[in-house]
Amino acid sequence: EDVFDAILCLLSASSYTLRFAEDLEDVFPHVPFPAQLAIFREAVRIGSEIRAVETFSREPDAAYLRPGFVRVVSQPRGTLAPVQYADGEIILCADGSGRITGLPQPVWDFSVSGYRVLPRWLEARVGLPVDLALARELRDICGRIAELIDLFAEADTVLESTLQETLTREALGLGAAQPVENVG
């Protein structure tokens, strides 16, 4: 589990896809591994937190659910309509009710492999009644995204440290990597 969490941390680093873009296009993802135990343990800690947030095994940390964050300021009436984002706000219902404020731009823009998480989450619920349960789910998802943004930034630091001293295949007794033939 520790190895999985460490790898999750390293692959979740915001800079990972930029650093290894060429490898990701042609071959299996390159996973650098920390040579230093302290860096490995930090990768495990961060990866474990990422896993817990992404798998919903724990609530977002309270720091990501502060009072002004994703706050309902007008009572929603009706069903969820297509949502537009402007200046930290969204409107949930077609009649202009269900105004939400305190939605940070990075949370709205957050994407995974080009999939904009929050806009797509909302799109999937268009036509559903906007009630307290939906508002709670929205706040929870936004809190998770905000926390992941910070965890991915922490993962960047670990990736940078790992790349300065990476555990090699030779050190693990695996021998040199064999070239991969491009079939197709």
C-alpha atoms as a PDB file:
ATOM      1  CA  GLU A   1       0.000   0.000   0.000  1.00  0.00           C
ATOM      2  CA  ASP A   2       2.884   2.384   0.772  1.00  0.00           C
ATOM      3  CA  VAL A   3       4.400   1.814  -2.662  1.00  0.00           C
ATOM      4  CA  PHE A   4       1.019   2.433  -4.299  1.00  0.00           C
ATOM      5  CA  ASP A   5       0.560   5.664  -2.328  1.00  0.00           C
ATOM      6  CA  ALA A   6       4.077   6.861  -3.179  1.00  0.00           C
ATOM      7  CA  ILE A   7       3.465   6.201  -6.881  1.00  0.00           C
ATOM      8  CA  LEU A   8       0.065   7.913  -6.686  1.00  0.00           C
ATOM      9  CA  CYS A   9       1.750  10.960  -5.193  1.00  0.00           C
ATOM     10  CA  LEU A  10       4.439  11.111  -7.868  1.00  0.00           C
ATOM     11  CA  LEU A  11       2.009  10.583 -10.758  1.00  0.00           C
ATOM     12  CA  SER A  12      -0.357  13.194  -9.282  1.00  0.00           C
ATOM     13  CA  ALA A  13       2.247  15.945  -9.251  1.00  0.00           C
ATOM     14  CA  SER A  14       0.955  18.811 -11.382  1.00  0.00           C
ATOM     15  CA  SER A  15       4.270  18.947 -13.248  1.00  0.00           C
ATOM     16  CA  TYR A  16       4.448  15.199 -13.958  1.00  0.00           C
ATOM     17  CA  THR A  17       2.708  15.288 -17.350  1.00  0.00           C
ATOM     18  CA  LEU A  18       4.828  18.237 -18.475  1.00  0.00           C
ATOM     19  CA  ARG A  19       8.081  16.598 -17.412  1.00  0.00           C
ATOM     20  CA  PHE A  20       7.267  13.225 -18.975  1.00  0.00           C
ATOM     21  CA  ALA A  21       4.977  14.264 -21.864  1.00  0.00           C
ATOM     22  CA  GLU A  22       7.131  12.585 -24.507  1.00  0.00           C
ATOM     23  CA  ASP A  23       7.295   9.313 -22.565  1.00  0.00           C
ATOM     24  CA  LEU A  24       3.538   9.355 -22.001  1.00  0.00           C
ATOM     25  CA  GLU A  25       2.934   9.572 -25.750  1.00  0.00           C
ATOM     26  CA  ASP A  26       5.151   6.629 -26.663  1.00  0.00           C
ATOM     27  CA  VAL A  27       5.666   4.217 -23.784  1.00  0.00           C
ATOM     28  CA  PHE A  28       4.397   3.179 -20.397  1.00  0.00           C
ATOM     29  CA  PRO A  29       4.595   5.997 -17.807  1.00  0.00           C
ATOM     30  CA  HIS A  30       8.006   6.516 -16.267  1.00  0.00           C
ATOM     31  CA  VAL A  31       7.768   6.448 -12.475  1.00  0.00           C
ATOM     32  CA  PRO A  32      10.821   7.885 -10.757  1.00  0.00           C
ATOM     33  CA  PHE A  33      11.220   6.484  -7.269  1.00  0.00           C
ATOM     34  CA  PRO A  34      12.792   8.290  -4.299  1.00  0.00           C
ATOM     35  CA  ALA A  35      16.180   7.007  -3.216  1.00  0.00           C
ATOM     36  CA  GLN A  36      15.886   8.711   0.187  1.00  0.00           C
ATOM     37  CA  LEU A  37      13.640   7.111   2.821  1.00  0.00           C
ATOM     38  CA  ALA A  38      12.403  10.491   4.114  1.00  0.00           C
ATOM     39  CA  ILE A  39      11.265  11.511   0.625  1.00  0.00           C
ATOM     40  CA  PHE A  40       9.595   8.125   0.133  1.00  0.00           C
ATOM     41  CA  ARG A  41       7.716   8.555   3.426  1.00  0.00           C
ATOM     42  CA  GLU A  42       6.569  12.022   2.387  1.00  0.00           C
ATOM     43  CA  ALA A  43       5.370  10.611  -0.936  1.00  0.00           C
ATOM     44  CA  VAL A  44       3.470   7.908   0.976  1.00  0.00           C
ATOM     45  CA  ARG A  45       1.849  10.511   3.250  1.00  0.00           C
ATOM     46  CA  ILE A  46       0.735  12.718   0.373  1.00  0.00           C
ATOM     47  CA  GLY A  47      -0.359   9.773  -1.787  1.00  0.00           C
ATOM     48  CA  SER A  48      -2.405   8.384   1.095  1.00  0.00           C
ATOM     49  CA  GLU A  49      -4.180  11.735   1.479  1.00  0.00           C
ATOM     50  CA  ILE A  50      -4.830  11.946  -2.266  1.00  0.00           C
ATOM     51  CA  ARG A  51      -6.274   8.414  -2.233  1.00  0.00           C
ATOM     52  CA  ALA A  52      -8.494   9.199   0.757  1.00  0.00           C
ATOM     53  CA  VAL A  53      -9.876  12.347  -0.889  1.00  0.00           C
ATOM     54  CA  GLU A  54     -10.342  10.769  -4.323  1.00  0.00           C
ATOM     55  CA  THR A  55     -12.023   7.604  -3.026  1.00  0.00           C
ATOM     56  CA  PHE A  56     -14.300   9.500  -0.612  1.00  0.00           C
ATOM     57  CA  SER A  57     -12.958   7.489   2.327  1.00  0.00           C
ATOM     58  CA  ARG A  58     -12.792  10.709   4.329  1.00  0.00           C
ATOM     59  CA  GLU A  59     -14.361  14.151   4.248  1.00  0.00           C
ATOM     60  CA  PRO A  60     -12.404  17.069   2.828  1.00  0.00           C
ATOM     61  CA  ASP A  61     -10.272  18.700   5.515  1.00  0.00           C
ATOM     62  CA  ALA A  62     -12.151  21.416   7.410  1.00  0.00           C
ATOM     63  CA  ALA A  63      -9.698  24.020   6.079  1.00  0.00           C
ATOM     64  CA  TYR A  64     -11.248  23.454   2.641  1.00  0.00           C
ATOM     65  CA  LEU A  65     -14.818  23.949   3.858  1.00  0.00           C
ATOM     66  CA  ARG A  66     -14.508  27.355   5.540  1.00  0.00           C
ATOM     67  CA  PRO A  67     -17.765  29.354   5.933  1.00  0.00           C
ATOM     68  CA  GLY A  68     -17.494  31.559   2.814  1.00  0.00           C
ATOM     69  CA  PHE A  69     -16.454  28.697   0.540  1.00  0.00           C
ATOM     70  CA  VAL A  70     -19.127  27.611  -1.985  1.00  0.00           C
ATOM     71  CA  ARG A  71     -21.920  29.294  -0.067  1.00  0.00           C
ATOM     72  CA  VAL A  72     -25.597  29.277  -1.032  1.00  0.00           C
ATOM     73  CA  VAL A  73     -26.709  32.927  -0.867  1.00  0.00           C
ATOM     74  CA  SER A  74     -30.161  32.593  -2.451  1.00  0.00           C
ATOM     75  CA  GLN A  75     -32.602  29.755  -1.905  1.00  0.00           C
ATOM     76  CA  PRO A  76     -32.805  27.531  -5.007  1.00  0.00           C
ATOM     77  CA  ARG A  77     -36.242  26.970  -6.574  1.00  0.00           C
ATOM     78  CA  GLY A  78     -36.586  24.281  -9.187  1.00  0.00           C
ATOM     79  CA  THR A  79     -34.252  22.007 -11.036  1.00  0.00           C
ATOM     80  CA  LEU A  80     -30.615  22.374 -11.956  1.00  0.00           C
ATOM     81  CA  ALA A  81     -30.128  24.336 -15.168  1.00  0.00           C
ATOM     82  CA  PRO A  82     -26.943  24.559 -17.237  1.00  0.00           C
ATOM     83  CA  VAL A  83     -24.470  26.486 -15.081  1.00  0.00           C
ATOM     84  CA  GLN A  84     -22.190  29.348 -16.104  1.00  0.00           C
ATOM     85  CA  TYR A  85     -19.279  30.539 -13.963  1.00  0.00           C
ATOM     86  CA  ALA A  86     -18.487  34.234 -13.490  1.00  0.00           C
ATOM     87  CA  ASP A  87     -16.365  35.976 -10.864  1.00  0.00           C
ATOM     88  CA  GLY A  88     -16.527  33.200  -8.268  1.00  0.00           C
ATOM     89  CA  GLU A  89     -20.271  32.650  -8.641  1.00  0.00           C
ATOM     90  CA  ILE A  90     -22.669  30.226 -10.266  1.00  0.00           C
ATOM     91  CA  ILE A  91     -26.475  30.214 -10.530  1.00  0.00           C
ATOM     92  CA  LEU A  92     -28.062  26.780 -10.209  1.00  0.00           C
ATOM     93  CA  CYS A  93     -31.657  27.379 -11.389  1.00  0.00           C
ATOM     94  CA  ALA A  94     -33.022  28.838 -14.623  1.00  0.00           C
ATOM     95  CA  ASP A  95     -35.074  31.442 -12.707  1.00  0.00           C
ATOM     96  CA  GLY A  96     -31.867  32.930 -11.231  1.00  0.00           C
ATOM     97  CA  SER A  97     -32.298  31.326  -7.814  1.00  0.00           C
ATOM     98  CA  GLY A  98     -29.716  29.131  -6.155  1.00  0.00           C
ATOM     99  CA  ARG A  99     -26.853  31.622  -6.341  1.00  0.00           C
ATOM    100  CA  ILE A 100     -23.576  30.176  -5.058  1.00  0.00           C
ATOM    101  CA  THR A 101     -20.652  32.449  -4.160  1.00  0.00           C
ATOM    102  CA  GLY A 102     -17.103  31.804  -2.998  1.00  0.00           C
ATOM    103  CA  LEU A 103     -16.206  29.347  -5.761  1.00  0.00           C
ATOM    104  CA  PRO A 104     -12.511  29.855  -6.569  1.00  0.00           C
ATOM    105  CA  GLN A 105     -11.503  29.939 -10.240  1.00  0.00           C
ATOM    106  CA  PRO A 106      -8.904  27.131  -9.779  1.00  0.00           C
ATOM    107  CA  VAL A 107     -11.631  24.840  -8.385  1.00  0.00           C
ATOM    108  CA  TRP A 108     -13.904  25.619 -11.348  1.00  0.00           C
ATOM    109  CA  ASP A 109     -11.040  25.095 -13.843  1.00  0.00           C
ATOM    110  CA  PHE A 110      -9.632  21.922 -12.226  1.00  0.00           C
ATOM    111  CA  SER A 111      -9.285  19.139 -14.763  1.00  0.00           C
ATOM    112  CA  VAL A 112      -7.940  15.623 -14.932  1.00  0.00           C
ATOM    113  CA  SER A 113      -6.708  14.529 -18.374  1.00  0.00           C
ATOM    114  CA  GLY A 114      -8.678  17.387 -19.927  1.00  0.00           C
ATOM    115  CA  TYR A 115     -11.870  16.449 -18.055  1.00  0.00           C
ATOM    116  CA  ARG A 116     -13.102  19.570 -16.245  1.00  0.00           C
ATOM    117  CA  VAL A 117     -14.387  17.910 -13.089  1.00  0.00           C
ATOM    118  CA  LEU A 118     -16.830  20.434 -11.592  1.00  0.00           C
ATOM    119  CA  PRO A 119     -18.531  21.642 -14.809  1.00  0.00           C
ATOM    120  CA  ARG A 120     -18.989  18.012 -15.913  1.00  0.00           C
ATOM    121  CA  TRP A 121     -20.299  17.016 -12.458  1.00  0.00           C
ATOM    122  CA  LEU A 122     -22.910  19.775 -12.718  1.00  0.00           C
ATOM    123  CA  GLU A 123     -23.795  18.930 -16.349  1.00  0.00           C
ATOM    124  CA  ALA A 124     -24.540  15.353 -15.305  1.00  0.00           C
ATOM    125  CA  ARG A 125     -27.145  16.646 -12.822  1.00  0.00           C
ATOM    126  CA  VAL A 126     -29.030  19.108 -15.044  1.00  0.00           C
ATOM    127  CA  GLY A 127     -32.757  18.575 -14.539  1.00  0.00           C
ATOM    128  CA  LEU A 128     -32.441  17.217 -11.012  1.00  0.00           C
ATOM    129  CA  PRO A 129     -34.133  19.077  -8.153  1.00  0.00           C
ATOM    130  CA  VAL A 130     -31.820  21.571  -6.478  1.00  0.00           C
ATOM    131  CA  ASP A 131     -32.206  20.752  -2.802  1.00  0.00           C
ATOM    132  CA  LEU A 132     -30.080  20.763   0.320  1.00  0.00           C
ATOM    133  CA  ALA A 133     -28.581  17.369  -0.562  1.00  0.00           C
ATOM    134  CA  LEU A 134     -27.356  18.629  -3.944  1.00  0.00           C
ATOM    135  CA  ALA A 135     -25.931  21.774  -2.343  1.00  0.00           C
ATOM    136  CA  ARG A 136     -24.059  19.650   0.225  1.00  0.00           C
ATOM    137  CA  GLU A 137     -22.689  17.384  -2.505  1.00  0.00           C
ATOM    138  CA  LEU A 138     -21.574  20.410  -4.513  1.00  0.00           C
ATOM    139  CA  ARG A 139     -19.769  21.862  -1.510  1.00  0.00           C
ATOM    140  CA  ASP A 140     -18.166  18.485  -0.757  1.00  0.00           C
ATOM    141  CA  ILE A 141     -16.923  18.062  -4.349  1.00  0.00           C
ATOM    142  CA  CYS A 142     -15.543  21.605  -4.363  1.00  0.00           C
ATOM    143  CA  GLY A 143     -13.779  21.001  -1.040  1.00  0.00           C
ATOM    144  CA  ARG A 144     -12.237  17.814  -2.412  1.00  0.00           C
ATOM    145  CA  ILE A 145     -11.036  19.609  -5.536  1.00  0.00           C
ATOM    146  CA  ALA A 146      -9.540  22.469  -3.493  1.00  0.00           C
ATOM    147  CA  GLU A 147      -7.711  19.984  -1.271  1.00  0.00           C
ATOM    148  CA  LEU A 148      -6.465  17.984  -4.267  1.00  0.00           C
ATOM    149  CA  ILE A 149      -5.083  21.141  -5.857  1.00  0.00           C
ATOM    150  CA  ASP A 150      -2.948  21.707  -2.751  1.00  0.00           C
ATOM    151  CA  LEU A 151      -1.975  18.031  -2.450  1.00  0.00           C
ATOM    152  CA  PHE A 152      -0.908  17.960  -6.107  1.00  0.00           C
ATOM    153  CA  ALA A 153       1.269  21.037  -5.444  1.00  0.00           C
ATOM    154  CA  GLU A 154       2.860  19.204  -2.485  1.00  0.00           C
ATOM    155  CA  ALA A 155       3.395  16.234  -4.792  1.00  0.00           C
ATOM    156  CA  ASP A 156       5.303  18.563  -7.153  1.00  0.00           C
ATOM    157  CA  THR A 157       7.809  19.248  -4.380  1.00  0.00           C
ATOM    158  CA  VAL A 158       8.234  15.522  -3.729  1.00  0.00           C
ATOM    159  CA  LEU A 159       8.648  14.820  -7.450  1.00  0.00           C
ATOM    160  CA  GLU A 160      11.324  17.511  -7.681  1.00  0.00           C
ATOM    161  CA  SER A 161      13.201  15.996  -4.705  1.00  0.00           C
ATOM    162  CA  THR A 162      12.802  12.509  -6.161  1.00  0.00           C
ATOM    163  CA  LEU A 163      14.249  13.552  -9.517  1.00  0.00           C
ATOM    164  CA  GLN A 164      17.356  14.881  -7.770  1.00  0.00           C
ATOM    165  CA  GLU A 165      18.104  11.406  -6.381  1.00  0.00           C
ATOM    166  CA  THR A 166      16.136   8.607  -8.012  1.00  0.00           C
ATOM    167  CA  LEU A 167      16.334   4.944  -7.102  1.00  0.00           C
ATOM    168  CA  THR A 168      17.631   3.171 -10.196  1.00  0.00           C
ATOM    169  CA  ARG A 169      16.716  -0.210 -11.676  1.00  0.00           C
ATOM    170  CA  GLU A 170      20.299  -1.296 -11.087  1.00  0.00           C
ATOM    171  CA  ALA A 171      20.119  -0.386  -7.378  1.00  0.00           C
ATOM    172  CA  LEU A 172      16.998  -2.559  -7.135  1.00  0.00           C
ATOM    173  CA  GLY A 173      18.798  -5.460  -8.829  1.00  0.00           C
ATOM    174  CA  LEU A 174      16.563  -5.284 -11.902  1.00  0.00           C
ATOM    175  CA  GLY A 175      19.269  -4.601 -14.466  1.00  0.00           C
ATOM    176  CA  ALA A 176      19.143  -2.055 -17.246  1.00  0.00           C
ATOM    177  CA  ALA A 177      15.829  -1.328 -18.890  1.00  0.00           C
ATOM    178  CA  GLN A 178      15.292  -3.031 -22.226  1.00  0.00           C
ATOM    179  CA  PRO A 179      14.270  -0.888 -25.184  1.00  0.00           C
ATOM    180  CA  VAL A 180      10.573  -1.020 -25.990  1.00  0.00           C
ATOM    181  CA  GLU A 181       9.678  -1.925 -29.557  1.00  0.00           C
ATOM    182  CA  ASN A 182       6.966   0.153 -31.101  1.00  0.00           C
ATOM    183  CA  VAL A 183       4.499  -2.362 -32.551  1.00  0.00           C
ATOM    184  CA  GLY A 184       1.880  -1.139 -34.900  1.00  0.00           C
END
